[in-house]
């Protein structure tokens, strides 16, 4: 009986101290696009990807009610992104993408301002650590909400 109580207390302590991941439903959209998306002014980095950006914005926003998140491949397990406010055409400075975010995968939706990003941390060269970071975009710029890392089998995959 004592062992059962001790196990229950240990489980409660472990469960109570583990930080819960943010939930998409806890970050609801307050503003939606009304009308047609506004394309950005194609200058700087956006100019060379104008066709991909135009095509990505044709269907309307795909993130946080009024943003278009456009992912473009840059090689094996590499993507970079453009985040565009479809109400104004403003290109938002997006903190993730490129070769330093190996295996980057993004999860997001139209009804939430929360974005989940998973990638492999290659900074130490061991290829056995995955990073999961959450951002809130409700203010118009990505604000980091949380981050965790976990070990995986060397040269494994960080998706999910």
Protein backbone atom coordinates (compact mmCIF):
# COMPACT_ATOMS: atom_id res chain seq x y z
CA UNK A 1 0.00 0.00 0.00
CA UNK A 2 2.84 2.40 0.85
CA UNK A 3 4.44 1.72 -2.53
CA UNK A 4 1.17 2.50 -4.31
CA UNK A 5 0.81 5.82 -2.47
CA UNK A 6 4.46 6.70 -3.12
CA UNK A 7 4.06 5.90 -6.82
CA UNK A 8 0.90 8.03 -7.03
CA UNK A 9 2.64 10.96 -5.30
CA UNK A 10 5.66 10.67 -7.59
CA UNK A 11 3.40 10.61 -10.66
CA UNK A 12 1.56 13.70 -9.40
CA UNK A 13 4.81 15.56 -8.78
CA UNK A 14 6.26 14.65 -12.19
CA UNK A 15 3.01 15.55 -13.98
CA UNK A 16 2.61 18.78 -12.02
CA UNK A 17 6.10 20.04 -12.71
CA UNK A 18 6.22 19.28 -16.42
CA UNK A 19 5.47 22.37 -18.45
CA UNK A 20 2.55 21.81 -20.78
CA UNK A 21 3.00 22.76 -24.41
CA UNK A 22 0.98 25.74 -25.59
CA UNK A 23 -2.28 24.77 -27.28
CA UNK A 24 -3.47 26.28 -30.55
CA UNK A 25 -6.97 26.78 -29.11
CA UNK A 26 -5.53 29.02 -26.37
CA UNK A 27 -4.39 31.55 -29.02
CA UNK A 28 -7.58 32.39 -30.95
CA UNK A 29 -7.64 34.79 -33.89
CA UNK A 30 -9.21 38.19 -33.25
CA UNK A 31 -8.82 39.74 -36.72
CA UNK A 32 -9.58 38.19 -40.09
CA UNK A 33 -8.94 39.46 -43.58
CA UNK A 34 -11.92 41.07 -45.24
CA UNK A 35 -11.50 41.39 -48.98
CA UNK A 36 -8.60 40.47 -51.21
CA UNK A 37 -5.02 39.97 -50.00
CA UNK A 38 -2.62 42.86 -50.55
CA UNK A 39 0.61 41.76 -52.22
CA UNK A 40 3.86 43.09 -50.78
CA UNK A 41 6.06 45.55 -52.57
CA UNK A 42 8.52 43.27 -54.31
CA UNK A 43 11.88 44.66 -53.19
CA UNK A 44 14.92 43.09 -51.59
CA UNK A 45 14.57 39.35 -50.90
CA UNK A 46 10.91 39.31 -51.94
CA UNK A 47 11.68 40.46 -55.51
CA UNK A 48 13.35 37.22 -56.56
CA UNK A 49 10.41 35.16 -55.25
CA UNK A 50 7.52 37.28 -56.53
CA UNK A 51 5.91 34.41 -58.47
CA UNK A 52 6.06 32.00 -55.50
CA UNK A 53 4.70 34.70 -53.19
CA UNK A 54 1.87 35.66 -55.56
CA UNK A 55 0.93 32.00 -55.97
CA UNK A 56 1.10 31.45 -52.22
CA UNK A 57 -1.21 34.39 -51.55
CA UNK A 58 -3.83 33.50 -54.22
CA UNK A 59 -5.83 31.31 -51.84
CA UNK A 60 -5.88 34.01 -49.19
CA UNK A 61 -4.46 33.84 -45.66
CA UNK A 62 -3.39 30.48 -44.22
CA UNK A 63 -2.25 31.62 -40.76
CA UNK A 64 -3.63 33.65 -37.87
CA UNK A 65 -6.64 35.06 -39.69
CA UNK A 66 -4.88 37.47 -42.01
CA UNK A 67 -1.33 36.25 -42.63
CA UNK A 68 0.08 34.26 -45.52
CA UNK A 69 2.95 32.01 -44.48
CA UNK A 70 4.77 30.92 -47.61
CA UNK A 71 7.35 28.14 -47.34
CA UNK A 72 9.96 27.80 -50.09
CA UNK A 73 12.45 24.94 -50.38
CA UNK A 74 16.16 25.74 -50.40
CA UNK A 75 17.65 22.24 -50.73
CA UNK A 76 17.42 18.92 -48.92
CA UNK A 77 15.63 19.35 -45.56
CA UNK A 78 15.85 23.14 -45.91
CA UNK A 79 13.09 25.73 -46.16
CA UNK A 80 12.81 29.43 -45.67
CA UNK A 81 9.64 31.39 -45.20
CA UNK A 82 7.94 34.64 -45.96
CA UNK A 83 5.29 35.83 -43.52
CA UNK A 84 3.08 38.47 -45.09
CA UNK A 85 0.24 40.41 -43.52
CA UNK A 86 -2.39 40.00 -46.24
CA UNK A 87 -4.24 43.14 -45.04
CA UNK A 88 -1.30 45.47 -45.68
CA UNK A 89 1.24 43.54 -47.76
CA UNK A 90 3.84 44.03 -45.01
CA UNK A 91 6.54 41.34 -44.98
CA UNK A 92 7.08 40.37 -41.34
CA UNK A 93 10.60 39.57 -40.18
CA UNK A 94 10.36 35.81 -39.63
CA UNK A 95 13.04 34.33 -37.35
CA UNK A 96 13.19 30.79 -38.76
CA UNK A 97 14.42 29.27 -41.99
CA UNK A 98 17.49 28.39 -43.98
CA UNK A 99 20.21 25.83 -43.50
CA UNK A 100 20.74 26.54 -39.78
CA UNK A 101 17.18 25.27 -39.15
CA UNK A 102 17.75 21.80 -40.60
CA UNK A 103 14.55 19.74 -41.08
CA UNK A 104 12.38 22.74 -40.15
CA UNK A 105 8.69 21.88 -39.98
CA UNK A 106 6.01 24.41 -39.16
CA UNK A 107 2.53 23.76 -37.79
CA UNK A 108 0.00 26.56 -37.90
CA UNK A 109 -3.57 27.32 -38.87
CA UNK A 110 -5.96 30.04 -39.89
CA UNK A 111 -7.86 30.07 -36.57
CA UNK A 112 -4.88 30.45 -34.20
CA UNK A 113 -2.04 32.94 -33.74
CA UNK A 114 0.21 30.15 -32.41
CA UNK A 115 2.93 28.63 -34.58
CA UNK A 116 4.90 25.49 -33.73
CA UNK A 117 8.37 24.98 -35.21
CA UNK A 118 10.46 21.81 -35.00
CA UNK A 119 14.03 21.45 -36.29
CA UNK A 120 17.31 19.69 -35.65
CA UNK A 121 19.97 21.62 -33.75
CA UNK A 122 23.10 21.24 -35.86
CA UNK A 123 25.15 23.84 -33.99
CA UNK A 124 27.07 21.21 -32.02
CA UNK A 125 27.55 18.86 -34.97
CA UNK A 126 26.11 15.77 -33.30
CA UNK A 127 22.75 15.74 -35.12
CA UNK A 128 20.93 14.23 -32.14
CA UNK A 129 18.97 17.15 -30.66
CA UNK A 130 15.60 18.45 -31.78
CA UNK A 131 14.25 21.87 -30.89
CA UNK A 132 10.53 22.63 -30.56
CA UNK A 133 9.65 26.30 -30.28
CA UNK A 134 6.28 28.03 -30.15
CA UNK A 135 5.59 31.59 -31.31
CA UNK A 136 2.58 33.86 -30.88
CA UNK A 137 1.98 36.26 -33.77
CA UNK A 138 -1.04 38.11 -32.32
CA UNK A 139 0.94 41.36 -32.01
CA UNK A 140 1.97 41.26 -35.68
CA UNK A 141 5.51 40.06 -34.99
CA UNK A 142 6.56 36.59 -33.81
CA UNK A 143 7.00 36.44 -30.03
CA UNK A 144 8.56 33.30 -28.60
CA UNK A 145 6.23 31.57 -26.12
CA UNK A 146 8.27 28.49 -25.21
CA UNK A 147 11.08 26.21 -26.28
CA UNK A 148 12.21 22.71 -25.43
CA UNK A 149 14.81 20.34 -26.76
CA UNK A 150 14.94 16.58 -26.83
CA UNK A 151 17.51 13.98 -27.78
CA UNK A 152 16.85 11.59 -30.64
CA UNK A 153 18.78 8.81 -32.32
CA UNK A 154 21.79 10.37 -34.06
CA UNK A 155 20.85 11.55 -37.57
CA UNK A 156 17.18 10.77 -36.85
CA UNK A 157 14.24 12.96 -37.77
CA UNK A 158 12.69 15.79 -35.74
CA UNK A 159 9.23 15.93 -37.30
CA UNK A 160 6.07 15.79 -35.31
